[in-house]
Structures are given as C-alpha cells and as structure tokens.
Amino acid sequence: MLERKILEWMASSDTGMSSQTMAYCAANIECHHKTEPYDTGDFNRCLNLVHEVPEVRDHFSTIAKLSPEWMTIIRNWGRLEKSFLNEAGLNFSKRSSAPITNQLLRDLRAQR
C-alpha cells in the first residue's frame, strides 16, 4: 500500500519539504506547502523518495499540477535524475556535490 510505504520512508529517511510535498501529494493528502527542490540536496531527498517508493512516479502528473515550479521539475525529471546520478550518485555516493545538476536546477528556475 502506497500510504504505508510513504510512512515507512518518512520514519526512516532524511526528508525535506520538497520530498514531503511529493509524498503528501502522491498519498492524496492536502499539503499547505508546495515546496519544490531548490538545490541538489533537496533533489537527492526527492530522488530517494522515488527510489524507495517507486509508485510516486505514478503521481508525477498530479505533483506537476501543484505549481508552475513543480511543472518544470516534473517535465525535466528525467534530465535532472540522469544528471544527478551520473554526477553524484544516489545519496551523493560518488561525490559530495553536484555542481552541474545544481546549475541545471538554477537554469530551470530562471526559465519560469
């Protein structure tokens, strides 16, 4: 069950506002904040959620409707994910920073 997996993720993982926003939205829980990932640390937490609870991907279209910022993130998710995993690896397993992905996030924010 999706809700159970999300609760287990929340209890055992490093979460942030943007990953919590994704989790609440996927579980169809009203969320007063609609924070999108601002930097690679935030994006890594979102990526961890999707890695731990892959069913969240099924709710990307709903997450994208939260705000124009989320729409941009979801539309570019594959590009961001590939860049981040190639550059830093999940949980920064390859290196402790991801400047190329961070710049990509900044560029996407600037396009809005």
N, C-alpha and C. Protein backbone atom coordinates (compact mmCIF):
# COMPACT_ATOMS: atom_id res chain seq x y z
N MET A 1 0.84 -1.18 0.00
CA MET A 1 0.00 0.00 0.00
C MET A 1 0.89 1.24 0.00
N LEU A 2 0.57 2.17 -0.86
CA LEU A 2 1.37 3.38 -1.05
C LEU A 2 1.53 4.17 0.24
N GLU A 3 0.43 4.39 0.93
CA GLU A 3 0.49 5.20 2.15
C GLU A 3 1.43 4.60 3.18
N ARG A 4 1.40 3.28 3.33
CA ARG A 4 2.29 2.59 4.29
C ARG A 4 3.75 2.78 3.89
N LYS A 5 4.05 2.63 2.60
CA LYS A 5 5.42 2.81 2.13
C LYS A 5 5.90 4.23 2.38
N ILE A 6 5.02 5.20 2.17
CA ILE A 6 5.38 6.60 2.40
C ILE A 6 5.65 6.83 3.88
N LEU A 7 4.80 6.29 4.75
CA LEU A 7 5.02 6.43 6.19
C LEU A 7 6.34 5.81 6.62
N GLU A 8 6.66 4.63 6.09
CA GLU A 8 7.93 3.99 6.41
C GLU A 8 9.09 4.82 5.91
N TRP A 9 8.97 5.39 4.71
CA TRP A 9 10.02 6.27 4.18
C TRP A 9 10.20 7.48 5.09
N MET A 10 9.08 8.10 5.50
CA MET A 10 9.16 9.29 6.36
C MET A 10 9.81 8.97 7.70
N ALA A 11 9.56 7.78 8.22
CA ALA A 11 10.09 7.40 9.52
C ALA A 11 11.56 7.03 9.48
N SER A 12 12.05 6.61 8.32
CA SER A 12 13.41 6.08 8.28
C SER A 12 14.36 6.83 7.36
N SER A 13 13.92 7.93 6.78
CA SER A 13 14.75 8.61 5.80
C SER A 13 14.94 10.08 6.16
N ASP A 14 15.94 10.66 5.51
CA ASP A 14 16.17 12.10 5.57
C ASP A 14 15.16 12.73 4.63
N THR A 15 14.22 13.46 5.18
CA THR A 15 13.21 14.09 4.34
C THR A 15 13.38 15.60 4.40
N GLY A 16 12.80 16.26 3.45
CA GLY A 16 12.79 17.72 3.40
C GLY A 16 11.44 18.17 2.90
N MET A 17 11.24 19.46 2.84
CA MET A 17 9.93 19.99 2.45
C MET A 17 9.52 19.55 1.04
N SER A 18 10.46 19.54 0.11
CA SER A 18 10.08 19.19 -1.26
C SER A 18 9.74 17.70 -1.38
N SER A 19 10.52 16.84 -0.75
CA SER A 19 10.20 15.41 -0.82
C SER A 19 8.91 15.11 -0.06
N GLN A 20 8.68 15.81 1.05
CA GLN A 20 7.42 15.64 1.78
C GLN A 20 6.25 16.10 0.93
N THR A 21 6.43 17.19 0.19
CA THR A 21 5.38 17.68 -0.70
C THR A 21 5.02 16.60 -1.71
N MET A 22 6.03 15.96 -2.30
CA MET A 22 5.78 14.89 -3.25
C MET A 22 5.04 13.73 -2.59
N ALA A 23 5.48 13.35 -1.40
CA ALA A 23 4.87 12.22 -0.69
C ALA A 23 3.41 12.50 -0.35
N TYR A 24 3.14 13.69 0.19
CA TYR A 24 1.76 14.04 0.53
C TYR A 24 0.88 14.05 -0.71
N CYS A 25 1.37 14.61 -1.77
CA CYS A 25 0.60 14.69 -3.00
C CYS A 25 0.30 13.29 -3.53
N ALA A 26 1.31 12.42 -3.54
CA ALA A 26 1.12 11.05 -4.02
C ALA A 26 0.11 10.28 -3.16
N ALA A 27 0.07 10.59 -1.86
CA ALA A 27 -0.86 9.93 -0.95
C ALA A 27 -2.21 10.64 -0.90
N ASN A 28 -2.37 11.68 -1.71
CA ASN A 28 -3.61 12.45 -1.78
C ASN A 28 -3.95 13.11 -0.43
N ILE A 29 -2.92 13.66 0.21
CA ILE A 29 -3.08 14.37 1.47
C ILE A 29 -2.86 15.85 1.20
N GLU A 30 -3.80 16.67 1.63
CA GLU A 30 -3.69 18.12 1.46
C GLU A 30 -2.41 18.62 2.11
N CYS A 31 -1.67 19.38 1.39
CA CYS A 31 -0.41 19.91 1.89
C CYS A 31 -0.41 21.42 1.71
N HIS A 32 -0.13 22.15 2.78
CA HIS A 32 -0.17 23.61 2.71
C HIS A 32 1.08 24.21 2.07
N HIS A 33 2.17 23.46 2.10
CA HIS A 33 3.37 23.95 1.40
C HIS A 33 3.53 23.15 0.11
N LYS A 34 3.99 23.79 -0.89
CA LYS A 34 4.17 23.17 -2.20
C LYS A 34 5.61 23.38 -2.68
N THR A 35 6.53 23.21 -1.76
CA THR A 35 7.93 23.49 -1.99
C THR A 35 8.55 22.52 -2.98
N GLU A 36 9.20 23.06 -4.00
CA GLU A 36 9.91 22.24 -4.97
C GLU A 36 11.39 22.17 -4.57
N PRO A 37 12.15 21.21 -5.13
CA PRO A 37 13.57 21.13 -4.79
C PRO A 37 14.33 22.36 -5.24
N TYR A 38 15.05 22.96 -4.31
CA TYR A 38 15.78 24.19 -4.58
C TYR A 38 17.22 23.91 -5.00
N ASP A 39 17.80 22.85 -4.46
CA ASP A 39 19.20 22.53 -4.75
C ASP A 39 19.35 21.02 -4.82
N THR A 40 20.58 20.56 -5.01
CA THR A 40 20.80 19.12 -5.20
C THR A 40 20.55 18.32 -3.93
N GLY A 41 20.71 18.93 -2.78
CA GLY A 41 20.37 18.23 -1.54
C GLY A 41 18.89 17.93 -1.50
N ASP A 42 18.08 18.94 -1.85
CA ASP A 42 16.63 18.74 -1.92
C ASP A 42 16.27 17.71 -2.99
N PHE A 43 16.90 17.84 -4.15
CA PHE A 43 16.60 16.91 -5.23
C PHE A 43 16.98 15.48 -4.84
N ASN A 44 18.09 15.31 -4.15
CA ASN A 44 18.50 13.98 -3.70
C ASN A 44 17.44 13.36 -2.79
N ARG A 45 16.87 14.16 -1.87
CA ARG A 45 15.83 13.64 -0.99
C ARG A 45 14.59 13.24 -1.80
N CYS A 46 14.24 14.02 -2.81
CA CYS A 46 13.13 13.66 -3.69
C CYS A 46 13.43 12.37 -4.46
N LEU A 47 14.64 12.28 -4.96
CA LEU A 47 15.06 11.09 -5.69
C LEU A 47 15.05 9.86 -4.78
N ASN A 48 15.47 10.03 -3.54
CA ASN A 48 15.40 8.93 -2.58
C ASN A 48 13.98 8.45 -2.37
N LEU A 49 13.04 9.41 -2.27
CA LEU A 49 11.64 9.02 -2.12
C LEU A 49 11.20 8.18 -3.30
N VAL A 50 11.50 8.63 -4.51
CA VAL A 50 11.10 7.90 -5.71
C VAL A 50 11.80 6.54 -5.78
N HIS A 51 13.03 6.47 -5.31
CA HIS A 51 13.77 5.20 -5.27
C HIS A 51 13.14 4.24 -4.25
N GLU A 52 12.79 4.76 -3.08
CA GLU A 52 12.21 3.93 -2.02
C GLU A 52 10.74 3.59 -2.27
N VAL A 53 10.02 4.51 -2.88
CA VAL A 53 8.59 4.33 -3.15
C VAL A 53 8.34 4.63 -4.64
N PRO A 54 8.69 3.68 -5.51
CA PRO A 54 8.61 3.94 -6.95
C PRO A 54 7.21 4.33 -7.45
N GLU A 55 6.18 3.95 -6.69
CA GLU A 55 4.81 4.29 -7.08
C GLU A 55 4.57 5.79 -7.12
N VAL A 56 5.43 6.56 -6.48
CA VAL A 56 5.30 8.02 -6.52
C VAL A 56 5.36 8.51 -7.96
N ARG A 57 6.13 7.84 -8.81
CA ARG A 57 6.21 8.22 -10.22
C ARG A 57 4.83 8.23 -10.88
N ASP A 58 3.96 7.33 -10.43
CA ASP A 58 2.62 7.26 -10.99
C ASP A 58 1.82 8.54 -10.71
N HIS A 59 2.31 9.35 -9.79
CA HIS A 59 1.61 10.57 -9.38
C HIS A 59 2.33 11.84 -9.85
N PHE A 60 3.29 11.69 -10.74
CA PHE A 60 4.03 12.86 -11.23
C PHE A 60 3.10 13.89 -11.88
N SER A 61 2.09 13.43 -12.60
CA SER A 61 1.20 14.40 -13.26
C SER A 61 0.43 15.22 -12.22
N THR A 62 0.07 14.62 -11.11
CA THR A 62 -0.62 15.35 -10.03
C THR A 62 0.35 16.30 -9.35
N ILE A 63 1.56 15.84 -9.11
CA ILE A 63 2.58 16.70 -8.48
C ILE A 63 2.87 17.90 -9.37
N ALA A 64 2.92 17.68 -10.66
CA ALA A 64 3.20 18.77 -11.61
C ALA A 64 2.14 19.86 -11.55
N LYS A 65 0.94 19.52 -11.15
CA LYS A 65 -0.16 20.48 -11.08
C LYS A 65 -0.09 21.37 -9.83
N LEU A 66 0.83 21.08 -8.91
CA LEU A 66 0.92 21.86 -7.68
C LEU A 66 1.30 23.31 -7.94
N SER A 67 2.18 23.54 -8.90
CA SER A 67 2.66 24.90 -9.17
C SER A 67 3.43 24.90 -10.49
N PRO A 68 3.65 26.08 -11.04
CA PRO A 68 4.48 26.16 -12.26
C PRO A 68 5.90 25.62 -12.00
N GLU A 69 6.41 25.85 -10.80
CA GLU A 69 7.75 25.36 -10.46
C GLU A 69 7.80 23.83 -10.49
N TRP A 70 6.78 23.21 -9.89
CA TRP A 70 6.72 21.75 -9.91
C TRP A 70 6.55 21.23 -11.33
N MET A 71 5.75 21.91 -12.13
CA MET A 71 5.56 21.51 -13.53
C MET A 71 6.93 21.45 -14.23
N THR A 72 7.75 22.45 -14.01
CA THR A 72 9.08 22.49 -14.63
C THR A 72 9.95 21.35 -14.13
N ILE A 73 9.93 21.10 -12.83
CA ILE A 73 10.73 20.00 -12.26
C ILE A 73 10.29 18.66 -12.84
N ILE A 74 8.99 18.40 -12.84
CA ILE A 74 8.49 17.11 -13.33
C ILE A 74 8.75 16.95 -14.83
N ARG A 75 8.56 18.00 -15.59
CA ARG A 75 8.85 17.92 -17.03
C ARG A 75 10.31 17.60 -17.31
N ASN A 76 11.17 18.02 -16.41
CA ASN A 76 12.61 17.82 -16.59
C ASN A 76 13.18 16.75 -15.65
N TRP A 77 12.31 15.96 -15.03
CA TRP A 77 12.75 14.98 -14.04
C TRP A 77 13.80 14.03 -14.60
N GLY A 78 13.54 13.47 -15.75
CA GLY A 78 14.47 12.51 -16.34
C GLY A 78 15.84 13.12 -16.57
N ARG A 79 15.86 14.32 -17.05
CA ARG A 79 17.12 15.04 -17.28
C ARG A 79 17.84 15.33 -15.96
N LEU A 80 17.09 15.79 -14.96
CA LEU A 80 17.68 16.07 -13.65
C LEU A 80 18.20 14.79 -13.00
N GLU A 81 17.39 13.74 -13.06
CA GLU A 81 17.77 12.46 -12.45
C GLU A 81 19.04 11.91 -13.10
N LYS A 82 19.08 11.89 -14.40
CA LYS A 82 20.25 11.37 -15.11
C LYS A 82 21.50 12.19 -14.76
N SER A 83 21.36 13.50 -14.78
CA SER A 83 22.49 14.37 -14.47
C SER A 83 22.99 14.12 -13.05
N PHE A 84 22.06 14.10 -12.11
CA PHE A 84 22.45 13.93 -10.71
C PHE A 84 23.09 12.56 -10.46
N LEU A 85 22.48 11.51 -10.96
CA LEU A 85 23.03 10.17 -10.73
C LEU A 85 24.39 10.00 -11.39
N ASN A 86 24.57 10.55 -12.59
CA ASN A 86 25.88 10.48 -13.25
C ASN A 86 26.93 11.28 -12.50
N GLU A 87 26.52 12.42 -12.01
CA GLU A 87 27.47 13.33 -11.37
C GLU A 87 27.78 12.96 -9.93
N ALA A 88 26.77 12.69 -9.13
CA ALA A 88 26.98 12.49 -7.69
C ALA A 88 26.56 11.11 -7.19
N GLY A 89 25.65 10.45 -7.88
CA GLY A 89 25.13 9.17 -7.42
C GLY A 89 24.07 9.36 -6.34
N LEU A 90 23.19 8.39 -6.22
CA LEU A 90 22.14 8.44 -5.20
C LEU A 90 22.78 8.62 -3.83
N ASN A 91 22.24 9.54 -3.07
CA ASN A 91 22.78 9.88 -1.74
C ASN A 91 24.22 10.37 -1.79
N PHE A 92 24.59 10.98 -2.91
CA PHE A 92 25.94 11.50 -3.09
C PHE A 92 26.99 10.40 -2.90
N SER A 93 26.68 9.21 -3.43
CA SER A 93 27.58 8.06 -3.26
C SER A 93 28.86 8.16 -4.09
N LYS A 94 28.87 8.98 -5.13
CA LYS A 94 30.06 9.15 -5.97
C LYS A 94 30.90 10.33 -5.55
N ARG A 95 30.23 11.41 -5.15
CA ARG A 95 30.93 12.61 -4.72
C ARG A 95 29.97 13.46 -3.90
N SER A 96 30.51 14.41 -3.18
CA SER A 96 29.71 15.16 -2.20
C SER A 96 29.02 16.40 -2.76
N SER A 97 29.17 16.63 -4.05
CA SER A 97 28.50 17.78 -4.66
C SER A 97 28.10 17.43 -6.09
N ALA A 98 27.19 18.24 -6.61
CA ALA A 98 26.73 18.04 -7.98
C ALA A 98 26.53 19.41 -8.64
N PRO A 99 27.64 20.11 -8.93
CA PRO A 99 27.52 21.48 -9.44
C PRO A 99 26.82 21.59 -10.80
N ILE A 100 26.96 20.61 -11.65
CA ILE A 100 26.30 20.66 -12.96
C ILE A 100 24.79 20.56 -12.78
N THR A 101 24.35 19.63 -11.95
CA THR A 101 22.92 19.48 -11.68
C THR A 101 22.38 20.69 -10.93
N ASN A 102 23.17 21.23 -10.03
CA ASN A 102 22.76 22.42 -9.30
C ASN A 102 22.53 23.58 -10.27
N GLN A 103 23.42 23.72 -11.24
CA GLN A 103 23.26 24.77 -12.25
C GLN A 103 22.02 24.51 -13.10
N LEU A 104 21.77 23.26 -13.42
CA LEU A 104 20.57 22.91 -14.18
C LEU A 104 19.31 23.31 -13.41
N LEU A 105 19.29 23.05 -12.11
CA LEU A 105 18.15 23.48 -11.28
C LEU A 105 18.00 25.01 -11.31
N ARG A 106 19.11 25.73 -11.20
CA ARG A 106 19.06 27.19 -11.27
C ARG A 106 18.54 27.67 -12.63
N ASP A 107 19.02 27.04 -13.69
CA ASP A 107 18.58 27.42 -15.04
C ASP A 107 17.08 27.17 -15.21
N LEU A 108 16.60 26.06 -14.69
CA LEU A 108 15.18 25.76 -14.78
C LEU A 108 14.35 26.77 -13.99
N ARG A 109 14.83 27.16 -12.82
CA ARG A 109 14.13 28.18 -12.03
C ARG A 109 14.08 29.51 -12.79
N ALA A 110 15.16 29.84 -13.47
CA ALA A 110 15.24 31.11 -14.20
C ALA A 110 14.28 31.13 -15.40
N GLN A 111 13.94 29.97 -15.93
CA GLN A 111 13.05 29.89 -17.09
C GLN A 111 11.60 30.19 -16.73
N ARG A 112 11.27 30.10 -15.47
CA ARG A 112 9.86 30.25 -15.07
C ARG A 112 9.39 31.65 -15.14
